[in-house]
Amino acid sequence: MTADAKNKAQYKAQAKVLKALAHPSRLLIVNELSKRERCVCELAEMVGSEMPTVSRHLALLREAGIVADDKRGAQVFYRLKVPCVMNFFQCIAAVHKKNAQEATLIMG
């Protein structure tokens, strides 16, 4: 595999993770899982969506390698597989803050 092909494959894999995070409900789920593991029923209540919808969100996050699941009896519990994803949240917050500051300067 050439270096260019390797880079493209890496960018494609990174895009998959970003796409998995690119939904407000999934961001909320990841944030809640950063605090502790949760069952689907808890997450559905927090998100304010039906369990099948939340399960689809969780499936996307699991396929992207962000969360892991553990079936216990009739319930499935989820946890963050890679807690460092929260560093990305801090970066997003910094971008948002900077944009707000610049908008204030332009309007002010």
N, C-alpha and C. Protein backbone atom coordinates (compact mmCIF):
# COMPACT_ATOMS: atom_id res chain seq x y z
N MET A 1 0.85 -1.18 0.00
CA MET A 1 0.00 0.00 0.00
C MET A 1 0.89 1.24 0.00
N THR A 2 0.61 2.18 -0.88
CA THR A 2 1.40 3.40 -0.95
C THR A 2 1.07 4.30 0.23
N ALA A 3 1.96 5.25 0.48
CA ALA A 3 1.74 6.20 1.57
C ALA A 3 0.46 7.00 1.33
N ASP A 4 0.20 7.35 0.07
CA ASP A 4 -1.01 8.11 -0.25
C ASP A 4 -2.26 7.28 0.03
N ALA A 5 -2.24 6.03 -0.35
CA ALA A 5 -3.38 5.14 -0.10
C ALA A 5 -3.57 4.93 1.40
N LYS A 6 -2.45 4.83 2.13
CA LYS A 6 -2.52 4.65 3.59
C LYS A 6 -3.14 5.88 4.24
N ASN A 7 -2.74 7.08 3.76
CA ASN A 7 -3.31 8.32 4.28
C ASN A 7 -4.80 8.40 4.00
N LYS A 8 -5.19 8.03 2.79
CA LYS A 8 -6.62 8.07 2.43
C LYS A 8 -7.42 7.11 3.30
N ALA A 9 -6.88 5.93 3.56
CA ALA A 9 -7.56 4.95 4.41
C ALA A 9 -7.69 5.49 5.84
N GLN A 10 -6.64 6.16 6.30
CA GLN A 10 -6.67 6.73 7.65
C GLN A 10 -7.72 7.84 7.73
N TYR A 11 -7.78 8.70 6.71
CA TYR A 11 -8.77 9.78 6.71
C TYR A 11 -10.19 9.23 6.63
N LYS A 12 -10.35 8.16 5.89
CA LYS A 12 -11.67 7.54 5.79
C LYS A 12 -12.11 6.99 7.15
N ALA A 13 -11.19 6.36 7.85
CA ALA A 13 -11.49 5.82 9.19
C ALA A 13 -11.80 6.95 10.17
N GLN A 14 -11.06 8.04 10.07
CA GLN A 14 -11.31 9.19 10.94
C GLN A 14 -12.67 9.82 10.63
N ALA A 15 -13.02 9.89 9.36
CA ALA A 15 -14.31 10.44 8.96
C ALA A 15 -15.46 9.60 9.52
N LYS A 16 -15.26 8.29 9.58
CA LYS A 16 -16.29 7.41 10.14
C LYS A 16 -16.56 7.76 11.60
N VAL A 17 -15.51 8.03 12.36
CA VAL A 17 -15.67 8.42 13.77
C VAL A 17 -16.39 9.76 13.85
N LEU A 18 -15.97 10.71 13.04
CA LEU A 18 -16.60 12.03 13.07
C LEU A 18 -18.07 11.96 12.67
N LYS A 19 -18.39 11.15 11.67
CA LYS A 19 -19.79 10.98 11.26
C LYS A 19 -20.61 10.38 12.39
N ALA A 20 -20.02 9.43 13.12
CA ALA A 20 -20.74 8.80 14.23
C ALA A 20 -21.05 9.81 15.33
N LEU A 21 -20.19 10.80 15.49
CA LEU A 21 -20.41 11.83 16.51
C LEU A 21 -21.30 12.97 16.03
N ALA A 22 -21.56 13.04 14.74
CA ALA A 22 -22.22 14.20 14.14
C ALA A 22 -23.74 14.18 14.30
N HIS A 23 -24.20 14.06 15.53
CA HIS A 23 -25.64 14.14 15.81
C HIS A 23 -25.79 14.57 17.27
N PRO A 24 -26.66 15.54 17.55
CA PRO A 24 -26.82 16.01 18.94
C PRO A 24 -27.13 14.89 19.94
N SER A 25 -27.97 13.95 19.56
CA SER A 25 -28.29 12.86 20.49
C SER A 25 -27.08 11.98 20.77
N ARG A 26 -26.28 11.72 19.75
CA ARG A 26 -25.09 10.90 19.96
C ARG A 26 -24.05 11.64 20.79
N LEU A 27 -23.96 12.95 20.63
CA LEU A 27 -23.06 13.73 21.48
C LEU A 27 -23.50 13.66 22.93
N LEU A 28 -24.81 13.76 23.16
CA LEU A 28 -25.34 13.64 24.52
C LEU A 28 -25.05 12.26 25.10
N ILE A 29 -25.25 11.23 24.30
CA ILE A 29 -24.98 9.86 24.75
C ILE A 29 -23.51 9.71 25.14
N VAL A 30 -22.61 10.17 24.30
CA VAL A 30 -21.18 10.06 24.59
C VAL A 30 -20.84 10.82 25.87
N ASN A 31 -21.40 12.01 26.02
CA ASN A 31 -21.15 12.79 27.23
C ASN A 31 -21.63 12.05 28.47
N GLU A 32 -22.81 11.48 28.41
CA GLU A 32 -23.34 10.73 29.56
C GLU A 32 -22.50 9.49 29.85
N LEU A 33 -22.05 8.82 28.80
CA LEU A 33 -21.22 7.63 29.01
C LEU A 33 -19.83 7.98 29.54
N SER A 34 -19.42 9.23 29.38
CA SER A 34 -18.13 9.63 29.95
C SER A 34 -18.20 9.67 31.47
N LYS A 35 -19.39 9.77 32.01
CA LYS A 35 -19.58 9.82 33.46
C LYS A 35 -19.63 8.42 34.07
N ARG A 36 -20.33 7.51 33.38
CA ARG A 36 -20.43 6.12 33.84
C ARG A 36 -21.19 5.32 32.80
N GLU A 37 -21.12 4.00 32.92
CA GLU A 37 -21.85 3.16 31.97
C GLU A 37 -23.35 3.32 32.22
N ARG A 38 -24.12 3.09 31.17
CA ARG A 38 -25.58 3.25 31.25
C ARG A 38 -26.26 2.17 30.42
N CYS A 39 -27.49 1.85 30.81
CA CYS A 39 -28.28 0.93 29.99
C CYS A 39 -29.04 1.74 28.94
N VAL A 40 -29.50 1.06 27.91
CA VAL A 40 -30.21 1.72 26.82
C VAL A 40 -31.43 2.47 27.36
N CYS A 41 -32.13 1.88 28.32
CA CYS A 41 -33.34 2.51 28.86
C CYS A 41 -33.01 3.86 29.51
N GLU A 42 -31.90 3.95 30.23
CA GLU A 42 -31.49 5.23 30.83
C GLU A 42 -31.17 6.25 29.75
N LEU A 43 -30.43 5.81 28.75
CA LEU A 43 -30.04 6.73 27.67
C LEU A 43 -31.25 7.21 26.89
N ALA A 44 -32.23 6.33 26.66
CA ALA A 44 -33.44 6.72 25.93
C ALA A 44 -34.16 7.82 26.69
N GLU A 45 -34.24 7.70 28.00
CA GLU A 45 -34.90 8.71 28.82
C GLU A 45 -34.15 10.04 28.75
N MET A 46 -32.82 9.98 28.83
CA MET A 46 -32.00 11.19 28.78
C MET A 46 -32.11 11.90 27.44
N VAL A 47 -32.09 11.10 26.37
CA VAL A 47 -32.15 11.66 25.02
C VAL A 47 -33.57 12.15 24.69
N GLY A 48 -34.56 11.48 25.28
CA GLY A 48 -35.95 11.84 24.98
C GLY A 48 -36.43 11.19 23.70
N SER A 49 -35.89 10.02 23.40
CA SER A 49 -36.27 9.28 22.20
C SER A 49 -36.66 7.85 22.59
N GLU A 50 -37.29 7.17 21.65
CA GLU A 50 -37.67 5.77 21.87
C GLU A 50 -36.41 4.90 21.90
N MET A 51 -36.51 3.76 22.58
CA MET A 51 -35.36 2.86 22.70
C MET A 51 -34.82 2.38 21.35
N PRO A 52 -35.66 2.06 20.36
CA PRO A 52 -35.10 1.64 19.06
C PRO A 52 -34.24 2.73 18.40
N THR A 53 -34.65 3.99 18.55
CA THR A 53 -33.88 5.10 17.98
C THR A 53 -32.53 5.21 18.68
N VAL A 54 -32.55 5.14 20.01
CA VAL A 54 -31.31 5.23 20.78
C VAL A 54 -30.42 4.02 20.48
N SER A 55 -31.02 2.86 20.30
CA SER A 55 -30.23 1.67 19.95
C SER A 55 -29.53 1.85 18.61
N ARG A 56 -30.18 2.50 17.65
CA ARG A 56 -29.54 2.76 16.34
C ARG A 56 -28.36 3.73 16.52
N HIS A 57 -28.56 4.77 17.35
CA HIS A 57 -27.46 5.69 17.63
C HIS A 57 -26.28 4.94 18.25
N LEU A 58 -26.58 4.09 19.22
CA LEU A 58 -25.54 3.32 19.89
C LEU A 58 -24.84 2.35 18.93
N ALA A 59 -25.58 1.79 18.01
CA ALA A 59 -24.97 0.89 17.02
C ALA A 59 -23.96 1.63 16.16
N LEU A 60 -24.30 2.85 15.75
CA LEU A 60 -23.35 3.67 14.97
C LEU A 60 -22.10 3.97 15.79
N LEU A 61 -22.30 4.33 17.04
CA LEU A 61 -21.16 4.63 17.90
C LEU A 61 -20.30 3.40 18.14
N ARG A 62 -20.94 2.24 18.27
CA ARG A 62 -20.21 0.99 18.47
C ARG A 62 -19.42 0.61 17.21
N GLU A 63 -20.05 0.75 16.04
CA GLU A 63 -19.37 0.43 14.77
C GLU A 63 -18.17 1.33 14.53
N ALA A 64 -18.24 2.56 15.04
CA ALA A 64 -17.13 3.50 14.88
C ALA A 64 -16.04 3.27 15.93
N GLY A 65 -16.30 2.36 16.89
CA GLY A 65 -15.31 2.05 17.91
C GLY A 65 -15.29 3.00 19.09
N ILE A 66 -16.37 3.76 19.26
CA ILE A 66 -16.42 4.76 20.33
C ILE A 66 -16.98 4.16 21.62
N VAL A 67 -17.96 3.27 21.50
CA VAL A 67 -18.55 2.66 22.69
C VAL A 67 -18.45 1.13 22.60
N ALA A 68 -18.56 0.51 23.77
CA ALA A 68 -18.61 -0.95 23.87
C ALA A 68 -19.87 -1.30 24.64
N ASP A 69 -20.39 -2.50 24.38
CA ASP A 69 -21.61 -2.91 25.08
C ASP A 69 -21.37 -4.20 25.85
N ASP A 70 -22.25 -4.41 26.82
CA ASP A 70 -22.17 -5.59 27.67
C ASP A 70 -23.60 -6.00 28.01
N LYS A 71 -24.01 -7.17 27.51
CA LYS A 71 -25.37 -7.65 27.76
C LYS A 71 -25.42 -8.34 29.11
N ARG A 72 -26.34 -7.91 29.93
CA ARG A 72 -26.55 -8.49 31.26
C ARG A 72 -28.03 -8.83 31.39
N GLY A 73 -28.33 -10.09 31.23
CA GLY A 73 -29.73 -10.51 31.25
C GLY A 73 -30.46 -9.90 30.07
N ALA A 74 -31.55 -9.21 30.34
CA ALA A 74 -32.35 -8.59 29.27
C ALA A 74 -31.86 -7.20 28.91
N GLN A 75 -30.93 -6.64 29.70
CA GLN A 75 -30.48 -5.27 29.47
C GLN A 75 -29.09 -5.25 28.84
N VAL A 76 -28.86 -4.20 28.07
CA VAL A 76 -27.55 -3.98 27.47
C VAL A 76 -27.00 -2.68 28.05
N PHE A 77 -25.79 -2.76 28.57
CA PHE A 77 -25.13 -1.59 29.14
C PHE A 77 -24.02 -1.14 28.20
N TYR A 78 -23.86 0.17 28.11
CA TYR A 78 -22.85 0.76 27.24
C TYR A 78 -21.86 1.57 28.06
N ARG A 79 -20.64 1.62 27.56
CA ARG A 79 -19.58 2.42 28.17
C ARG A 79 -18.71 2.98 27.05
N LEU A 80 -18.00 4.04 27.36
CA LEU A 80 -17.05 4.57 26.39
C LEU A 80 -15.90 3.60 26.25
N LYS A 81 -15.56 3.29 25.04
CA LYS A 81 -14.42 2.41 24.76
C LYS A 81 -13.13 3.22 24.79
N VAL A 82 -13.23 4.46 24.37
CA VAL A 82 -12.08 5.36 24.31
C VAL A 82 -12.44 6.71 24.96
N PRO A 83 -12.22 6.83 26.26
CA PRO A 83 -12.59 8.08 26.96
C PRO A 83 -11.90 9.32 26.41
N CYS A 84 -10.81 9.15 25.67
CA CYS A 84 -10.11 10.32 25.11
C CYS A 84 -10.98 11.09 24.12
N VAL A 85 -12.10 10.50 23.68
CA VAL A 85 -13.00 11.22 22.78
C VAL A 85 -13.49 12.52 23.43
N MET A 86 -13.47 12.56 24.76
CA MET A 86 -13.90 13.78 25.45
C MET A 86 -12.94 14.94 25.19
N ASN A 87 -11.68 14.64 24.84
CA ASN A 87 -10.74 15.71 24.44
C ASN A 87 -11.27 16.42 23.21
N PHE A 88 -11.91 15.67 22.33
CA PHE A 88 -12.50 16.25 21.13
C PHE A 88 -13.62 17.22 21.51
N PHE A 89 -14.39 16.87 22.54
CA PHE A 89 -15.46 17.74 23.01
C PHE A 89 -14.87 19.07 23.49
N GLN A 90 -13.74 19.01 24.19
CA GLN A 90 -13.09 20.24 24.66
C GLN A 90 -12.63 21.09 23.49
N CYS A 91 -12.14 20.45 22.45
CA CYS A 91 -11.71 21.17 21.26
C CYS A 91 -12.90 21.86 20.59
N ILE A 92 -14.00 21.16 20.46
CA ILE A 92 -15.21 21.73 19.87
C ILE A 92 -15.67 22.94 20.68
N ALA A 93 -15.66 22.81 22.01
CA ALA A 93 -16.06 23.91 22.88
C ALA A 93 -15.15 25.13 22.67
N ALA A 94 -13.85 24.89 22.49
CA ALA A 94 -12.91 25.98 22.26
C ALA A 94 -13.19 26.69 20.93
N VAL A 95 -13.52 25.92 19.90
CA VAL A 95 -13.87 26.51 18.60
C VAL A 95 -15.14 27.35 18.75
N HIS A 96 -16.13 26.80 19.43
CA HIS A 96 -17.40 27.52 19.63
C HIS A 96 -17.18 28.83 20.40
N LYS A 97 -16.35 28.77 21.44
CA LYS A 97 -16.06 29.96 22.25
C LYS A 97 -15.36 31.02 21.40
N LYS A 98 -14.38 30.59 20.61
CA LYS A 98 -13.63 31.53 19.76
C LYS A 98 -14.56 32.18 18.73
N ASN A 99 -15.44 31.38 18.13
CA ASN A 99 -16.40 31.93 17.16
C ASN A 99 -17.32 32.94 17.81
N ALA A 100 -17.77 32.66 19.03
CA ALA A 100 -18.65 33.59 19.75
C ALA A 100 -17.92 34.89 20.07
N GLN A 101 -16.65 34.78 20.46
CA GLN A 101 -15.85 35.97 20.74
C GLN A 101 -15.68 36.83 19.48
N GLU A 102 -15.40 36.20 18.37
CA GLU A 102 -15.22 36.94 17.12
C GLU A 102 -16.52 37.58 16.67
N ALA A 103 -17.65 36.89 16.86
CA ALA A 103 -18.95 37.45 16.49
C ALA A 103 -19.25 38.66 17.36
N THR A 104 -18.89 38.60 18.63
CA THR A 104 -19.12 39.73 19.54
C THR A 104 -18.29 40.93 19.10
N LEU A 105 -17.04 40.69 18.70
CA LEU A 105 -16.18 41.79 18.25
C LEU A 105 -16.73 42.43 16.98
N ILE A 106 -17.23 41.63 16.07
CA ILE A 106 -17.77 42.15 14.81
C ILE A 106 -19.03 42.96 15.07
N MET A 107 -19.88 42.45 15.94
CA MET A 107 -21.17 43.10 16.22
C MET A 107 -21.03 44.25 17.22
N GLY A 108 -19.99 44.18 18.05
CA GLY A 108 -19.82 45.12 19.16
C GLY A 108 -19.32 46.43 18.74
